[in-house]
């Protein structure tokens, strides 16, 4: 499930579509991702300042990966935060698959 929230900024169909596309692409690294909550807001006084994009994604085992990035351009902030999350998810996926496949015998 994907949820995109715009807090204090106008809703953007382009930003929503970009986030949806990037979330789907992230599933290449962990296809068990079940939820993604993206929040786009403006940081600063009276509309001045940067956009903040925060992602909260539920990954394998029900854990959450949370990241946020700021940039004066909303689309650049989206790009930055997905780059951050992609690195985290990719690294965790590689670590998971690097462990020996065999499990120790069960103790009875």
C-alpha atoms as a PDB file:
ATOM      1  CA  UNK A   1       0.000   0.000   0.000  1.00  0.00           C
ATOM      2  CA  UNK A   2       1.333   3.412  -0.965  1.00  0.00           C
ATOM      3  CA  UNK A   3       0.237   6.576   0.805  1.00  0.00           C
ATOM      4  CA  UNK A   4       1.448  10.025  -0.281  1.00  0.00           C
ATOM      5  CA  UNK A   5       0.742  12.916   2.078  1.00  0.00           C
ATOM      6  CA  UNK A   6       1.218  16.580   1.230  1.00  0.00           C
ATOM      7  CA  UNK A   7       1.539  18.657   4.383  1.00  0.00           C
ATOM      8  CA  UNK A   8       1.361  22.418   3.885  1.00  0.00           C
ATOM      9  CA  UNK A   9       2.086  22.168   0.140  1.00  0.00           C
ATOM     10  CA  UNK A  10      -0.143  21.752  -2.899  1.00  0.00           C
ATOM     11  CA  UNK A  11      -0.796  18.201  -4.087  1.00  0.00           C
ATOM     12  CA  UNK A  12       1.270  17.296  -7.152  1.00  0.00           C
ATOM     13  CA  UNK A  13       0.236  14.508  -9.525  1.00  0.00           C
ATOM     14  CA  UNK A  14       3.785  14.433 -10.933  1.00  0.00           C
ATOM     15  CA  UNK A  15       5.311  13.940  -7.479  1.00  0.00           C
ATOM     16  CA  UNK A  16       2.787  11.209  -6.647  1.00  0.00           C
ATOM     17  CA  UNK A  17       3.491   9.385  -9.909  1.00  0.00           C
ATOM     18  CA  UNK A  18       7.249   9.658  -9.357  1.00  0.00           C
ATOM     19  CA  UNK A  19       6.968   8.278  -5.824  1.00  0.00           C
ATOM     20  CA  UNK A  20       4.784   5.386  -7.003  1.00  0.00           C
ATOM     21  CA  UNK A  21       7.255   4.498  -9.761  1.00  0.00           C
ATOM     22  CA  UNK A  22      10.237   4.662  -7.410  1.00  0.00           C
ATOM     23  CA  UNK A  23       8.502   2.553  -4.749  1.00  0.00           C
ATOM     24  CA  UNK A  24       7.730  -0.130  -7.335  1.00  0.00           C
ATOM     25  CA  UNK A  25      11.385  -0.064  -8.473  1.00  0.00           C
ATOM     26  CA  UNK A  26      12.541  -0.546  -4.862  1.00  0.00           C
ATOM     27  CA  UNK A  27      10.692  -3.847  -4.755  1.00  0.00           C
ATOM     28  CA  UNK A  28      13.451  -5.301  -6.978  1.00  0.00           C
ATOM     29  CA  UNK A  29      15.635  -5.354  -3.870  1.00  0.00           C
ATOM     30  CA  UNK A  30      12.964  -6.555  -1.429  1.00  0.00           C
ATOM     31  CA  UNK A  31       9.704  -7.770  -2.927  1.00  0.00           C
ATOM     32  CA  UNK A  32       8.153  -8.213   0.513  1.00  0.00           C
ATOM     33  CA  UNK A  33       7.733  -4.460   1.004  1.00  0.00           C
ATOM     34  CA  UNK A  34       4.141  -3.996   2.006  1.00  0.00           C
ATOM     35  CA  UNK A  35       3.715  -0.348   2.873  1.00  0.00           C
ATOM     36  CA  UNK A  36       5.183   2.998   1.920  1.00  0.00           C
ATOM     37  CA  UNK A  37       4.187   6.290   3.482  1.00  0.00           C
ATOM     38  CA  UNK A  38       5.692   9.365   1.822  1.00  0.00           C
ATOM     39  CA  UNK A  39       5.224  12.795   3.382  1.00  0.00           C
ATOM     40  CA  UNK A  40       6.108  15.956   1.493  1.00  0.00           C
ATOM     41  CA  UNK A  41       6.184  19.197   3.450  1.00  0.00           C
ATOM     42  CA  UNK A  42       7.781  22.599   3.369  1.00  0.00           C
ATOM     43  CA  UNK A  43      10.414  23.432   5.970  1.00  0.00           C
ATOM     44  CA  UNK A  44      10.824  27.110   6.753  1.00  0.00           C
ATOM     45  CA  UNK A  45       8.849  30.238   7.471  1.00  0.00           C
ATOM     46  CA  UNK A  46       5.883  31.237   5.262  1.00  0.00           C
ATOM     47  CA  UNK A  47       6.744  29.032   2.303  1.00  0.00           C
ATOM     48  CA  UNK A  48      10.398  29.965   2.236  1.00  0.00           C
ATOM     49  CA  UNK A  49      12.939  27.226   2.665  1.00  0.00           C
ATOM     50  CA  UNK A  50      13.208  23.678   1.487  1.00  0.00           C
ATOM     51  CA  UNK A  51      10.917  20.787   0.789  1.00  0.00           C
ATOM     52  CA  UNK A  52      11.225  17.869   3.162  1.00  0.00           C
ATOM     53  CA  UNK A  53      10.411  14.372   1.926  1.00  0.00           C
ATOM     54  CA  UNK A  54      10.129  11.591   4.498  1.00  0.00           C
ATOM     55  CA  UNK A  55       9.689   7.915   3.652  1.00  0.00           C
ATOM     56  CA  UNK A  56       8.536   5.227   6.033  1.00  0.00           C
ATOM     57  CA  UNK A  57       8.656   1.821   4.343  1.00  0.00           C
ATOM     58  CA  UNK A  58       7.763  -1.514   5.927  1.00  0.00           C
ATOM     59  CA  UNK A  59      10.258  -4.190   4.846  1.00  0.00           C
ATOM     60  CA  UNK A  60      10.922  -7.858   5.564  1.00  0.00           C
ATOM     61  CA  UNK A  61      10.036  -8.909   9.082  1.00  0.00           C
ATOM     62  CA  UNK A  62       7.750  -5.916   9.658  1.00  0.00           C
ATOM     63  CA  UNK A  63      10.664  -3.554  10.260  1.00  0.00           C
ATOM     64  CA  UNK A  64      10.480   0.039   9.096  1.00  0.00           C
ATOM     65  CA  UNK A  65      13.062   1.887   7.062  1.00  0.00           C
ATOM     66  CA  UNK A  66      12.697   5.608   7.682  1.00  0.00           C
ATOM     67  CA  UNK A  67      14.614   8.322   5.849  1.00  0.00           C
ATOM     68  CA  UNK A  68      14.145  12.000   5.100  1.00  0.00           C
ATOM     69  CA  UNK A  69      15.876  14.486   2.844  1.00  0.00           C
ATOM     70  CA  UNK A  70      15.519  18.208   2.217  1.00  0.00           C
ATOM     71  CA  UNK A  71      16.049  20.252  -0.950  1.00  0.00           C
ATOM     72  CA  UNK A  72      14.745  23.548  -2.365  1.00  0.00           C
ATOM     73  CA  UNK A  73      13.293  21.478  -5.242  1.00  0.00           C
ATOM     74  CA  UNK A  74      10.623  18.919  -4.277  1.00  0.00           C
ATOM     75  CA  UNK A  75      11.543  16.472  -7.044  1.00  0.00           C
ATOM     76  CA  UNK A  76      15.216  16.618  -6.044  1.00  0.00           C
ATOM     77  CA  UNK A  77      14.250  15.874  -2.430  1.00  0.00           C
ATOM     78  CA  UNK A  78      12.228  12.861  -3.646  1.00  0.00           C
ATOM     79  CA  UNK A  79      15.222  11.672  -5.660  1.00  0.00           C
ATOM     80  CA  UNK A  80      17.578  12.050  -2.684  1.00  0.00           C
ATOM     81  CA  UNK A  81      15.368  10.211  -0.204  1.00  0.00           C
ATOM     82  CA  UNK A  82      14.755   7.295  -2.566  1.00  0.00           C
ATOM     83  CA  UNK A  83      18.512   7.056  -3.219  1.00  0.00           C
ATOM     84  CA  UNK A  84      19.052   6.850   0.546  1.00  0.00           C
ATOM     85  CA  UNK A  85      16.368   4.188   1.045  1.00  0.00           C
ATOM     86  CA  UNK A  86      17.536   2.204  -1.992  1.00  0.00           C
ATOM     87  CA  UNK A  87      21.059   1.989  -0.526  1.00  0.00           C
ATOM     88  CA  UNK A  88      19.698   0.850   2.853  1.00  0.00           C
ATOM     89  CA  UNK A  89      17.356  -1.778   1.386  1.00  0.00           C
ATOM     90  CA  UNK A  90      19.944  -3.024  -1.108  1.00  0.00           C
ATOM     91  CA  UNK A  91      22.603  -3.377   1.616  1.00  0.00           C
ATOM     92  CA  UNK A  92      20.225  -5.210   3.948  1.00  0.00           C
ATOM     93  CA  UNK A  93      19.147  -7.523   1.137  1.00  0.00           C
ATOM     94  CA  UNK A  94      22.781  -8.318   0.286  1.00  0.00           C
ATOM     95  CA  UNK A  95      23.555  -9.059   3.940  1.00  0.00           C
ATOM     96  CA  UNK A  96      20.542 -11.361   4.179  1.00  0.00           C
ATOM     97  CA  UNK A  97      21.620 -13.327   1.119  1.00  0.00           C
ATOM     98  CA  UNK A  98      25.294 -13.460   2.118  1.00  0.00           C
ATOM     99  CA  UNK A  99      24.590 -15.727   5.094  1.00  0.00           C
ATOM    100  CA  UNK A 100      24.970 -19.448   4.547  1.00  0.00           C
ATOM    101  CA  UNK A 101      21.741 -20.966   3.304  1.00  0.00           C
ATOM    102  CA  UNK A 102      21.962 -23.954   5.630  1.00  0.00           C
ATOM    103  CA  UNK A 103      20.563 -23.563   9.098  1.00  0.00           C
ATOM    104  CA  UNK A 104      21.953 -25.361  12.128  1.00  0.00           C
ATOM    105  CA  UNK A 105      20.138 -28.586  12.975  1.00  0.00           C
ATOM    106  CA  UNK A 106      17.263 -28.175  15.365  1.00  0.00           C
ATOM    107  CA  UNK A 107      17.903 -29.171  18.933  1.00  0.00           C
ATOM    108  CA  UNK A 108      15.337 -31.653  20.185  1.00  0.00           C
END
